Amino acid sequence: MKLFSYTVSAMILLVSFVAPAHANSITEKNANIEQAIAKAMNTFQVPGVAIAIVKDNKVVMSKGFGIIEQGKPAKVTTDTLFGIASNTKAMTAALLANLVDEGKLTWQTKVIDIIPEFQMPDAYVTREFTIIDLLAHNSGLGLGAGDLMIWPHTSLTNADILKGLRNLPEVSSFRSEFAYDNLMYIIAGEVITRITGQPWTEVIQQRIFSPLGMNNTRATFSLIDKKNINVARAHVPLDGKLNVVGGDFLEKFSSAGSVASSVNDMSFWLLAQLNKGAYGDILDEDSADDKAPRLFSAKQSRAMWQPRTLLSVSDKATRQDKTHFAAYGLGWFMKDYHGVKLIHHSGGILGMVSKVVLVPEVDLAMVILTNQQSGYAFNAIYLQILNEYLELPEKDWVDFYHKKQQKSKAKEQKRLAKMADSVQKNSAHSLALRDYADTYVDNWYGEIDISFKNNKLHMQFANTAALKGTLEHYQHNTFIVRWHDRTLEADAFVNFNLNEDGGINYVTMKAVSRATDFSFDFHDLKLVPK
């Protein structure tokens, strides 16, 4: 049985695909891009892709490739809905920009003035935290701190996040370092709700989707009409095979990443972004910006595209991409790339990843939606598009990222093998297995149960049904939890720290593989026996 229904046609394209010479016409550019997409899909096992490209205020390409679900015939179209995940963040920022334009808050408004119960670990940070700080990933918390409160799907709520926030460990001083933070965007959504008196899901429908004519887009997957079957399924590759997964779309924590959209609808969003908030048919007329309706003002567009938190730039990036600066704004990453400024963001949930890129200086934008979680694929595609439309030196980005993928896998396998060789295989755990069984409590997450049954230890995160697994002894008082759902790819060390009496003092956890998604922030947990 063939792995993909499009494998034969894709292979035909692969035979003739070499990093192409630059074409003069848009038709030729797009033909070269289509060949690169086919090669990327085949190389990285991506069942379906949809893309849209906007140039000079027109959609110059909008097309679906492959299939909605592995093993089924339905094709991806330009109206197929995908989870755009963290590309939702720019929309949350745009809603706040809209409220700033209306004078209902400013970017410098303190969060505690809107949400009095908001509390960071440090009193000074709590007092000084502004709307900008919610969006700029500069809170002083660690990468993905507290994400286990929201993902995989949990029973926790926004109120629980506000309670747990104060107990998360700080890893840097306030506003000094970049660390990607989903929780702050959830709180940003709560700010929008408290100011408007409406749920974020209704506000985004009224203030973005409806005005732009994004008629198929929904704030959450649960809002998609049950009759609409043109919805991509999420896929996770394991041991060379694709697994269809149910999808975990941050339903309850929507402002951080829950939107479902298509490339047809996202092209309207791209046009509005390139026109600095203006939209509508009037934009086809000369000098019509001042007459067009707006999602937000040009002033707020500049505010969102202004660097707020700096990121490091490697010597390799400077040599390879002519990149000299990189930063995060409000809902957007930005950097210079071969002499132009890129405004961009990616999105990722279990089994789906996406990319949005804006190049305002040349009036170019694109969106790439996929139903597999390969960042290598969307990076190869968007950079190949930039090669064509910016007429950059020839380069096969699919080959580049395939080599990078293979090198990364080999490096991680070598690290894990070295780690396995260093294990003291004859070491024993200090206590009887049943003595490790207990209910443990973490100050920000809540309870985690370790039970003893059939001579084995079993772990269950009380607020997260999917985090259920069996503990396997590693060495000494360290175990590895093997999650029953293998598509999570997040097995973790569980280390029991003993006190002077030989009892359990506390428990820490850490992902086994460095490839584990950062949202599994097990390392932020400190579990004490209840």
Protein backbone atom coordinates (compact mmCIF):
# COMPACT_ATOMS: atom_id res chain seq x y z
CA MET A 1 0.00 0.00 0.00
CA LYS A 2 1.38 3.40 -0.99
CA LEU A 3 2.12 5.80 1.84
CA PHE A 4 0.55 8.76 0.04
CA SER A 5 -1.99 8.82 -2.74
CA TYR A 6 0.06 11.45 -4.59
CA THR A 7 3.41 9.63 -4.36
CA VAL A 8 3.65 8.73 -8.07
CA SER A 9 2.92 12.22 -9.37
CA ALA A 10 5.19 13.71 -6.73
CA MET A 11 8.06 11.45 -7.82
CA ILE A 12 7.60 12.56 -11.46
CA LEU A 13 8.04 16.14 -10.31
CA LEU A 14 11.06 15.22 -8.20
CA VAL A 15 12.93 13.81 -11.17
CA SER A 16 12.93 17.18 -12.89
CA PHE A 17 13.28 19.41 -9.80
CA VAL A 18 16.59 21.13 -9.38
CA ALA A 19 16.90 24.51 -7.68
CA PRO A 20 15.54 26.51 -10.65
CA ALA A 21 16.99 29.50 -12.42
CA HIS A 22 14.90 32.57 -11.73
CA ALA A 23 11.84 32.97 -13.88
CA ASN A 24 10.56 36.29 -15.16
CA SER A 25 6.84 35.63 -15.00
CA ILE A 26 4.69 34.89 -11.98
CA THR A 27 3.45 31.78 -13.77
CA GLU A 28 6.99 30.43 -14.06
CA LYS A 29 7.83 31.38 -10.46
CA ASN A 30 4.74 29.56 -9.20
CA ALA A 31 5.48 26.49 -11.31
CA ASN A 32 8.92 26.27 -9.70
CA ILE A 33 7.34 26.71 -6.26
CA GLU A 34 4.87 23.90 -6.94
CA GLN A 35 7.73 21.55 -7.76
CA ALA A 36 9.44 22.49 -4.50
CA ILE A 37 6.21 21.86 -2.57
CA ALA A 38 5.83 18.40 -4.12
CA LYS A 39 9.41 17.58 -3.22
CA ALA A 40 8.98 18.87 0.35
CA MET A 41 5.81 16.83 0.85
CA ASN A 42 7.51 13.68 -0.34
CA THR A 43 10.75 14.30 1.58
CA PHE A 44 9.14 15.14 4.92
CA GLN A 45 6.03 12.89 4.73
CA VAL A 46 3.46 15.68 4.62
CA PRO A 47 0.05 14.50 3.37
CA GLY A 48 -1.43 17.93 2.64
CA VAL A 49 -0.36 21.53 2.10
CA ALA A 50 -2.21 24.69 1.15
CA ILE A 51 -0.53 27.98 0.27
CA ALA A 52 -1.47 31.49 -0.77
CA ILE A 53 0.89 34.17 -2.06
CA VAL A 54 -0.02 37.86 -2.24
CA LYS A 55 2.00 40.26 -4.40
CA ASP A 56 1.28 43.90 -5.22
CA ASN A 57 -2.14 43.78 -3.59
CA LYS A 58 -3.27 40.71 -5.52
CA VAL A 59 -3.46 37.00 -4.74
CA VAL A 60 -1.05 35.56 -7.30
CA MET A 61 -1.22 31.97 -6.07
CA SER A 62 -3.73 30.08 -3.97
CA LYS A 63 -3.70 26.30 -4.15
CA GLY A 64 -4.11 23.06 -2.23
CA PHE A 65 -1.84 20.02 -2.57
CA GLY A 66 -2.23 16.42 -1.44
CA ILE A 67 -4.91 15.02 0.83
CA ILE A 68 -6.85 16.01 3.93
CA GLU A 69 -6.29 12.71 5.72
CA GLN A 70 -3.79 9.91 5.22
CA GLY A 71 -5.40 6.92 3.49
CA LYS A 72 -8.48 8.83 2.29
CA PRO A 73 -9.08 10.40 -1.13
CA ALA A 74 -10.40 13.87 -0.22
CA LYS A 75 -8.06 16.52 -1.61
CA VAL A 76 -6.79 19.65 0.10
CA THR A 77 -8.37 22.74 -1.48
CA THR A 78 -7.96 26.46 -0.94
CA ASP A 79 -10.95 26.31 1.43
CA THR A 80 -9.66 23.40 3.56
CA LEU A 81 -9.53 24.44 7.20
CA PHE A 82 -6.29 23.94 9.14
CA GLY A 83 -5.30 24.90 12.65
CA ILE A 84 -3.11 28.00 12.36
CA ALA A 85 -2.00 27.64 16.02
CA SER A 86 0.26 30.49 17.14
CA ASN A 87 -0.41 32.50 13.99
CA THR A 88 -3.50 33.35 16.05
CA LYS A 89 -1.25 35.52 18.25
CA ALA A 90 -0.97 38.27 15.61
CA MET A 91 -4.77 38.40 15.53
CA THR A 92 -4.94 38.79 19.30
CA ALA A 93 -2.40 41.61 19.02
CA ALA A 94 -4.51 43.19 16.26
CA LEU A 95 -7.60 43.11 18.49
CA LEU A 96 -5.68 44.95 21.20
CA ALA A 97 -4.46 47.44 18.58
CA ASN A 98 -8.08 48.02 17.62
CA LEU A 99 -8.95 48.74 21.25
CA VAL A 100 -5.98 51.12 21.51
CA ASP A 101 -7.31 52.99 18.47
CA GLU A 102 -10.69 53.25 20.22
CA GLY A 103 -9.03 54.70 23.32
CA LYS A 104 -10.16 51.84 25.55
CA LEU A 105 -6.59 51.15 26.67
CA THR A 106 -3.00 52.01 25.74
CA TRP A 107 -0.03 49.77 25.10
CA GLN A 108 1.34 51.01 28.43
CA THR A 109 -1.82 50.17 30.40
CA LYS A 110 -0.94 48.05 33.43
CA VAL A 111 -2.42 44.56 33.37
CA ILE A 112 -3.45 44.78 37.04
CA ASP A 113 -5.63 47.78 36.15
CA ILE A 114 -7.75 45.44 34.04
CA ILE A 115 -7.18 42.11 35.81
CA PRO A 116 -6.61 42.91 39.51
CA GLU A 117 -5.87 39.27 40.39
CA PHE A 118 -2.98 39.12 37.89
CA GLN A 119 0.15 38.24 39.85
CA MET A 120 3.67 37.41 38.70
CA PRO A 121 6.25 35.73 40.99
CA ASP A 122 7.81 39.14 41.70
CA ALA A 123 5.77 42.04 43.16
CA TYR A 124 7.65 44.68 41.13
CA VAL A 125 6.99 42.79 37.89
CA THR A 126 3.32 42.43 38.78
CA ARG A 127 2.99 46.16 39.34
CA GLU A 128 4.87 47.18 36.17
CA PHE A 129 3.54 44.58 33.72
CA THR A 130 1.92 46.28 30.69
CA ILE A 131 -0.09 45.21 27.64
CA ILE A 132 3.14 45.31 25.61
CA ASP A 133 4.74 42.89 28.07
CA LEU A 134 1.89 40.43 27.55
CA LEU A 135 2.78 40.26 23.85
CA ALA A 136 6.58 40.64 23.75
CA HIS A 137 7.75 37.38 25.43
CA ASN A 138 9.92 39.22 27.96
CA SER A 139 8.25 38.25 31.25
CA GLY A 140 11.31 36.69 32.92
CA LEU A 141 9.66 33.26 32.90
CA GLY A 142 11.25 30.38 31.00
CA LEU A 143 10.54 29.05 27.51
CA GLY A 144 6.99 27.67 27.44
CA ALA A 145 6.65 28.13 31.20
CA GLY A 146 3.37 26.76 32.51
CA ASP A 147 2.29 25.28 29.16
CA LEU A 148 1.35 22.02 30.89
CA MET A 149 -1.61 23.97 32.29
CA ILE A 150 -2.99 24.36 28.76
CA TRP A 151 -1.58 21.54 26.62
CA PRO A 152 -2.28 18.69 26.06
CA HIS A 153 -5.98 19.36 26.66
CA THR A 154 -6.58 20.02 30.35
CA SER A 155 -9.44 20.54 32.76
CA LEU A 156 -7.88 23.82 33.92
CA THR A 157 -9.29 27.26 33.11
CA ASN A 158 -8.10 30.85 32.65
CA ALA A 159 -8.74 31.38 36.36
CA ASP A 160 -6.41 28.48 37.17
CA ILE A 161 -3.71 30.00 34.95
CA LEU A 162 -4.00 33.31 36.78
CA LYS A 163 -3.61 31.44 40.08
CA GLY A 164 -0.70 29.32 38.91
CA LEU A 165 1.25 32.12 37.27
CA ARG A 166 2.66 33.45 40.55
CA ASN A 167 4.29 30.06 41.30
CA LEU A 168 6.20 29.62 38.05
CA PRO A 169 10.00 29.86 38.34
CA GLU A 170 11.70 32.99 37.01
CA VAL A 171 14.78 32.34 34.88
CA SER A 172 15.79 35.90 33.97
CA SER A 173 15.10 39.45 35.04
CA PHE A 174 12.02 41.24 33.72
CA ARG A 175 12.32 42.54 30.12
CA SER A 176 15.92 41.31 29.79
CA GLU A 177 15.53 38.09 27.78
CA PHE A 178 13.28 36.56 25.11
CA ALA A 179 11.40 33.41 26.13
CA TYR A 180 8.35 32.33 24.13
CA ASP A 181 5.30 32.37 26.40
CA ASN A 182 1.81 31.12 25.51
CA LEU A 183 0.26 31.97 28.88
CA MET A 184 0.67 35.71 28.40
CA TYR A 185 -1.37 35.58 25.20
CA ILE A 186 -4.12 33.78 27.08
CA ILE A 187 -4.10 36.62 29.58
CA ALA A 188 -4.14 39.07 26.65
CA GLY A 189 -7.35 37.37 25.52
CA GLU A 190 -8.74 37.82 29.02
CA VAL A 191 -7.89 41.54 28.80
CA ILE A 192 -9.91 41.76 25.58
CA THR A 193 -12.84 39.97 27.21
CA ARG A 194 -12.87 42.23 30.25
CA ILE A 195 -12.69 45.42 28.21
CA THR A 196 -15.32 44.44 25.64
CA GLY A 197 -17.55 42.37 27.92
CA GLN A 198 -17.57 39.62 25.25
CA PRO A 199 -15.72 36.31 24.85
CA TRP A 200 -12.56 36.53 22.75
CA THR A 201 -14.15 34.13 20.25
CA GLU A 202 -16.96 36.61 19.57
CA VAL A 203 -14.70 39.65 19.47
CA ILE A 204 -12.39 38.16 16.84
CA GLN A 205 -15.39 37.15 14.72
CA GLN A 206 -16.86 40.64 14.88
CA ARG A 207 -13.67 42.65 14.52
CA ILE A 208 -11.53 40.56 12.15
CA PHE A 209 -13.25 37.63 10.44
CA SER A 210 -16.54 39.30 9.46
CA PRO A 211 -15.06 42.61 8.25
CA LEU A 212 -12.42 40.85 6.14
CA GLY A 213 -14.86 38.33 4.68
CA MET A 214 -13.07 35.36 6.25
CA ASN A 215 -16.36 33.49 6.06
CA ASN A 216 -15.05 29.95 6.59
CA THR A 217 -12.66 30.85 9.42
CA ARG A 218 -13.62 29.95 12.97
CA ALA A 219 -12.16 31.07 16.29
CA THR A 220 -12.03 27.44 17.48
CA PHE A 221 -12.44 24.03 15.84
CA SER A 222 -15.56 23.35 17.88
CA LEU A 223 -17.27 26.25 16.06
CA ILE A 224 -16.81 24.61 12.63
CA ASP A 225 -20.13 23.53 11.13
CA LYS A 226 -20.46 19.75 11.56
CA LYS A 227 -21.54 19.55 7.90
CA ASN A 228 -18.20 20.98 6.76
CA ILE A 229 -16.02 17.97 5.96
CA ASN A 230 -13.30 20.06 4.30
CA VAL A 231 -11.22 20.09 7.48
CA ALA A 232 -7.64 18.82 7.59
CA ARG A 233 -6.75 16.04 10.02
CA ALA A 234 -3.55 16.22 12.05
CA HIS A 235 -0.73 13.72 11.45
CA VAL A 236 2.28 12.64 13.51
CA PRO A 237 5.06 10.54 11.95
CA LEU A 238 6.35 7.68 14.09
CA ASP A 239 8.82 5.04 12.94
CA GLY A 240 8.34 6.01 9.31
CA LYS A 241 4.55 5.80 9.42
CA LEU A 242 1.97 8.57 9.69
CA ASN A 243 -0.50 8.49 12.55
CA VAL A 244 -3.75 10.43 12.38
CA VAL A 245 -4.30 12.14 15.72
CA GLY A 246 -7.44 13.68 17.13
CA GLY A 247 -6.05 17.18 17.23
CA ASP A 248 -5.52 19.36 20.29
CA PHE A 249 -6.50 22.87 19.30
CA LEU A 250 -6.38 24.92 22.53
CA GLU A 251 -10.16 25.23 22.57
CA LYS A 252 -10.30 26.78 26.03
CA PHE A 253 -7.21 28.93 25.64
CA SER A 254 -8.15 30.34 22.28
CA SER A 255 -6.31 33.67 22.15
CA ALA A 256 -2.95 31.85 22.14
CA GLY A 257 -3.61 29.59 19.17
CA SER A 258 -7.06 28.17 18.41
CA VAL A 259 -8.08 29.64 15.03
CA ALA A 260 -9.03 27.34 12.14
CA SER A 261 -8.65 28.95 8.72
CA SER A 262 -7.98 28.33 5.03
CA VAL A 263 -5.54 29.93 2.63
CA ASN A 264 -8.40 31.63 0.80
CA ASP A 265 -9.46 33.34 4.01
CA MET A 266 -5.92 33.97 5.22
CA SER A 267 -5.16 35.86 1.99
CA PHE A 268 -7.59 38.57 3.21
CA TRP A 269 -5.60 38.75 6.46
CA LEU A 270 -2.35 39.04 4.48
CA LEU A 271 -3.74 41.89 2.39
CA ALA A 272 -4.92 43.76 5.47
CA GLN A 273 -1.50 43.36 7.07
CA LEU A 274 0.36 44.62 4.00
CA ASN A 275 -2.03 47.59 3.85
CA LYS A 276 -1.34 48.39 7.52
CA GLY A 277 -4.83 47.56 8.69
CA ALA A 278 -6.80 48.87 5.71
CA TYR A 279 -8.97 46.48 3.73
CA GLY A 280 -11.69 46.28 1.10
CA ASP A 281 -12.13 46.74 -2.66
CA ILE A 282 -11.38 50.46 -2.41
CA LEU A 283 -7.71 49.57 -2.01
CA ASP A 284 -7.61 48.78 -5.72
CA GLU A 285 -7.95 52.51 -6.36
CA ASP A 286 -5.01 54.90 -6.26
CA SER A 287 -4.40 56.65 -2.94
CA ALA A 288 -7.45 55.00 -1.38
CA ASP A 289 -5.89 54.07 1.97
CA ASP A 290 -7.39 57.01 3.78
CA LYS A 291 -10.90 56.10 2.61
CA ALA A 292 -10.74 52.36 3.28
CA PRO A 293 -12.18 50.74 6.40
CA ARG A 294 -9.56 49.58 8.90
CA LEU A 295 -8.96 46.81 11.39
CA PHE A 296 -6.41 49.10 13.04
CA SER A 297 -4.56 52.30 12.17
CA ALA A 298 -1.22 52.59 10.38
CA LYS A 299 0.16 53.88 13.68
CA GLN A 300 -0.78 50.62 15.40
CA SER A 301 0.62 48.59 12.50
CA ARG A 302 3.96 50.26 13.13
CA ALA A 303 3.60 49.55 16.85
CA MET A 304 3.08 45.83 16.22
CA TRP A 305 6.01 45.66 13.79
CA GLN A 306 8.37 47.54 16.11
CA PRO A 307 11.11 45.42 17.73
CA ARG A 308 10.34 44.96 21.43
CA THR A 309 12.52 42.05 22.54
CA LEU A 310 15.82 41.36 20.81
CA LEU A 311 16.92 37.88 19.73
CA SER A 312 20.47 36.75 19.05
CA VAL A 313 21.75 36.37 15.49
CA SER A 314 24.40 33.76 14.71
CA ASP A 315 27.40 34.36 12.49
CA LYS A 316 26.03 31.62 10.25
CA ALA A 317 22.73 33.48 9.79
CA THR A 318 24.62 36.63 8.85
CA ARG A 319 26.72 34.76 6.28
CA GLN A 320 23.90 32.64 4.88
CA ASP A 321 20.89 34.97 5.04
CA LYS A 322 22.48 38.44 5.39
CA THR A 323 20.65 38.69 8.73
CA HIS A 324 21.97 41.29 11.16
CA PHE A 325 19.05 41.73 13.55
CA ALA A 326 16.19 39.63 14.85
CA ALA A 327 13.48 40.58 17.31
CA TYR A 328 9.94 39.99 18.49
CA GLY A 329 7.34 42.73 18.17
CA LEU A 330 3.70 42.38 19.17
CA GLY A 331 2.47 39.06 17.80
CA TRP A 332 5.22 38.93 15.17
CA PHE A 333 8.85 37.91 14.78
CA MET A 334 11.00 40.10 12.54
CA LYS A 335 14.45 40.06 10.99
CA ASP A 336 16.34 41.39 8.00
CA TYR A 337 16.88 38.91 5.18
CA HIS A 338 18.99 39.69 2.11
CA GLY A 339 18.29 43.40 2.49
CA VAL A 340 14.57 43.34 3.26
CA LYS A 341 12.63 43.15 6.51
CA LEU A 342 10.65 39.97 7.13
CA ILE A 343 7.64 40.02 9.46
CA HIS A 344 6.81 36.41 10.21
CA HIS A 345 5.41 33.81 12.60
CA SER A 346 4.95 30.08 12.73
CA GLY A 347 2.29 28.00 14.41
CA GLY A 348 2.40 24.48 15.75
CA ILE A 349 0.01 22.09 17.44
CA LEU A 350 0.12 18.31 17.61
CA GLY A 351 0.13 17.15 13.98
CA MET A 352 -0.17 20.56 12.25
CA VAL A 353 2.24 23.43 11.58
CA SER A 354 1.92 26.65 9.61
CA LYS A 355 3.86 29.74 8.53
CA VAL A 356 2.93 33.34 7.72
CA VAL A 357 5.51 35.67 6.18
CA LEU A 358 5.17 39.35 5.22
CA VAL A 359 7.74 41.34 3.18
CA PRO A 360 6.20 44.84 3.25
CA GLU A 361 9.01 46.53 1.28
CA VAL A 362 8.20 44.51 -1.84
CA ASP A 363 4.45 44.11 -1.10
CA LEU A 364 4.77 40.34 -0.75
CA ALA A 365 3.14 37.95 1.72
CA MET A 366 2.45 34.25 2.01
CA VAL A 367 0.73 31.66 4.19
CA ILE A 368 1.60 27.96 4.30
CA LEU A 369 -0.73 25.53 6.08
CA THR A 370 0.15 21.85 6.59
CA ASN A 371 -1.43 18.80 8.23
CA GLN A 372 1.80 17.31 9.58
CA GLN A 373 4.15 18.72 12.18
CA SER A 374 7.30 19.12 10.08
CA GLY A 375 8.77 22.57 10.52
CA TYR A 376 11.44 21.53 8.02
CA ALA A 377 8.76 21.34 5.34
CA PHE A 378 7.21 24.77 5.79
CA ASN A 379 10.63 26.40 6.21
CA ALA A 380 11.82 24.87 2.95
CA ILE A 381 8.66 26.01 1.17
CA TYR A 382 8.61 29.60 2.41
CA LEU A 383 12.32 30.10 1.72
CA GLN A 384 11.90 28.67 -1.78
CA ILE A 385 9.08 31.18 -2.34
CA LEU A 386 11.35 34.00 -1.17
CA ASN A 387 14.06 32.74 -3.53
CA GLU A 388 11.67 33.09 -6.44
CA TYR A 389 10.00 36.38 -5.57
CA LEU A 390 13.10 38.16 -4.24
CA GLU A 391 15.20 36.64 -7.05
CA LEU A 392 17.87 35.41 -4.69
CA PRO A 393 20.78 33.08 -5.54
CA GLU A 394 19.66 29.58 -6.44
CA LYS A 395 19.34 27.13 -3.57
CA ASP A 396 17.44 23.90 -3.02
CA TRP A 397 15.93 24.54 0.42
CA VAL A 398 14.28 21.11 0.55
CA ASP A 399 17.68 19.45 0.29
CA PHE A 400 19.10 21.92 2.81
CA TYR A 401 16.45 21.12 5.43
CA HIS A 402 16.53 17.39 4.72
CA LYS A 403 20.26 17.36 5.48
CA LYS A 404 19.61 19.46 8.57
CA GLN A 405 16.93 17.00 9.71
CA GLN A 406 19.21 14.00 9.21
CA LYS A 407 22.06 15.69 11.05
CA SER A 408 19.80 16.65 13.96
CA LYS A 409 18.42 13.11 14.24
CA ALA A 410 21.90 11.59 14.17
CA LYS A 411 23.14 14.01 16.82
CA GLU A 412 20.24 13.25 19.14
CA GLN A 413 20.57 9.48 18.62
CA LYS A 414 24.26 9.74 19.47
CA ARG A 415 23.48 11.73 22.63
CA LEU A 416 20.83 9.23 23.77
CA ALA A 417 23.16 6.29 23.03
CA LYS A 418 25.95 7.91 25.05
CA MET A 419 23.51 8.56 27.89
CA ALA A 420 22.34 4.93 27.81
CA ASP A 421 25.94 3.70 27.95
CA SER A 422 26.56 5.71 31.10
CA VAL A 423 23.61 4.20 33.00
CA GLN A 424 24.53 2.04 35.96
CA LYS A 425 22.42 -0.89 34.87
CA ASN A 426 22.84 -2.86 38.07
CA SER A 427 21.79 0.01 40.32
CA ALA A 428 18.63 -0.46 42.37
CA HIS A 429 15.97 1.95 43.53
CA SER A 430 16.23 2.76 47.25
CA LEU A 431 12.62 2.03 48.14
CA ALA A 432 10.17 -0.70 47.36
CA LEU A 433 8.19 0.25 44.25
CA ARG A 434 4.94 0.65 46.18
CA ASP A 435 6.64 3.23 48.42
CA TYR A 436 6.99 5.64 45.49
CA ALA A 437 3.24 5.59 44.95
CA ASP A 438 1.51 8.72 46.22
CA THR A 439 -0.35 11.82 45.14
CA TYR A 440 2.13 14.61 44.48
CA VAL A 441 1.35 18.31 44.23
CA ASP A 442 3.00 21.11 42.25
CA ASN A 443 2.20 24.71 43.18
CA TRP A 444 1.33 25.85 39.65
CA TYR A 445 0.10 22.68 37.93
CA GLY A 446 -1.75 20.83 40.68
CA GLU A 447 -1.87 17.11 41.45
CA ILE A 448 -0.06 14.22 39.77
CA ASP A 449 -0.84 10.66 40.86
CA ILE A 450 1.66 7.83 40.96
CA SER A 451 -0.01 4.50 41.66
CA PHE A 452 1.28 0.96 42.16
CA LYS A 453 -0.50 -1.80 40.28
CA ASN A 454 0.57 -5.19 38.88
CA ASN A 455 4.05 -4.62 40.27
CA LYS A 456 4.47 -1.44 38.21
CA LEU A 457 4.28 2.29 38.86
CA HIS A 458 1.82 4.33 36.82
CA MET A 459 1.63 8.11 36.45
CA GLN A 460 -1.45 10.21 35.73
CA PHE A 461 -1.53 14.02 35.56
CA ALA A 462 -4.79 14.84 37.32
CA ASN A 463 -5.73 17.75 35.03
CA THR A 464 -4.45 16.21 31.78
CA ALA A 465 -6.04 12.96 30.66
CA ALA A 466 -3.47 12.37 27.88
CA LEU A 467 -0.53 12.41 30.30
CA LYS A 468 -0.94 8.84 31.44
CA GLY A 469 1.98 6.44 31.44
CA THR A 470 4.04 3.70 33.04
CA LEU A 471 7.26 4.29 34.97
CA GLU A 472 10.28 2.28 33.91
CA HIS A 473 13.32 2.13 36.19
CA TYR A 474 16.31 3.99 34.76
CA GLN A 475 18.92 3.99 37.52
CA HIS A 476 19.02 4.65 41.27
CA ASN A 477 15.91 6.69 42.15
CA THR A 478 15.32 7.89 38.61
CA PHE A 479 12.61 6.43 36.36
CA ILE A 480 11.38 7.22 32.86
CA VAL A 481 7.66 7.70 32.29
CA ARG A 482 6.60 6.16 28.97
CA TRP A 483 3.35 7.84 27.92
CA HIS A 484 0.70 5.48 26.59
CA ASP A 485 0.01 7.90 23.73
CA ARG A 486 3.25 7.52 21.81
CA THR A 487 2.38 10.37 19.41
CA LEU A 488 3.14 12.82 22.23
CA GLU A 489 6.87 12.01 21.83
CA ALA A 490 7.50 13.38 25.31
CA ASP A 491 8.82 10.62 27.59
CA ALA A 492 10.36 12.15 30.70
CA PHE A 493 12.77 11.36 33.50
CA VAL A 494 11.12 11.21 36.94
CA ASN A 495 13.66 11.74 39.70
CA PHE A 496 12.76 11.05 43.34
CA ASN A 497 14.76 13.10 45.82
CA LEU A 498 15.00 11.41 49.23
CA ASN A 499 15.27 13.15 52.59
CA GLU A 500 17.56 12.22 55.48
CA ASP A 501 14.99 9.72 56.78
CA GLY A 502 14.89 7.86 53.48
CA GLY A 503 11.43 9.15 52.60
CA ILE A 504 10.54 11.09 49.46
CA ASN A 505 11.29 14.79 49.79
CA TYR A 506 10.21 15.93 46.30
CA VAL A 507 10.10 14.79 42.68
CA THR A 508 11.44 16.52 39.57
CA MET A 509 10.92 15.73 35.89
CA LYS A 510 12.74 16.46 32.63
CA ALA A 511 12.13 15.45 29.02
CA VAL A 512 14.37 12.61 27.86
CA SER A 513 14.82 13.88 24.30
CA ARG A 514 15.92 17.36 23.36
CA ALA A 515 13.51 17.12 20.43
CA THR A 516 10.52 17.12 22.81
CA ASP A 517 8.25 20.11 22.26
CA PHE A 518 9.06 22.92 24.70
CA SER A 519 5.43 23.08 25.82
CA PHE A 520 6.08 19.91 27.82
CA ASP A 521 7.72 22.02 30.54
CA PHE A 522 8.20 19.11 32.94
CA HIS A 523 11.39 20.76 34.21
CA ASP A 524 9.33 23.55 35.82
CA LEU A 525 7.56 21.09 38.11
CA LYS A 526 8.51 20.46 41.72
CA LEU A 527 6.27 17.76 43.11
CA VAL A 528 5.89 17.21 46.83
CA PRO A 529 3.97 14.34 48.43
CA LYS A 530 0.46 15.37 49.32
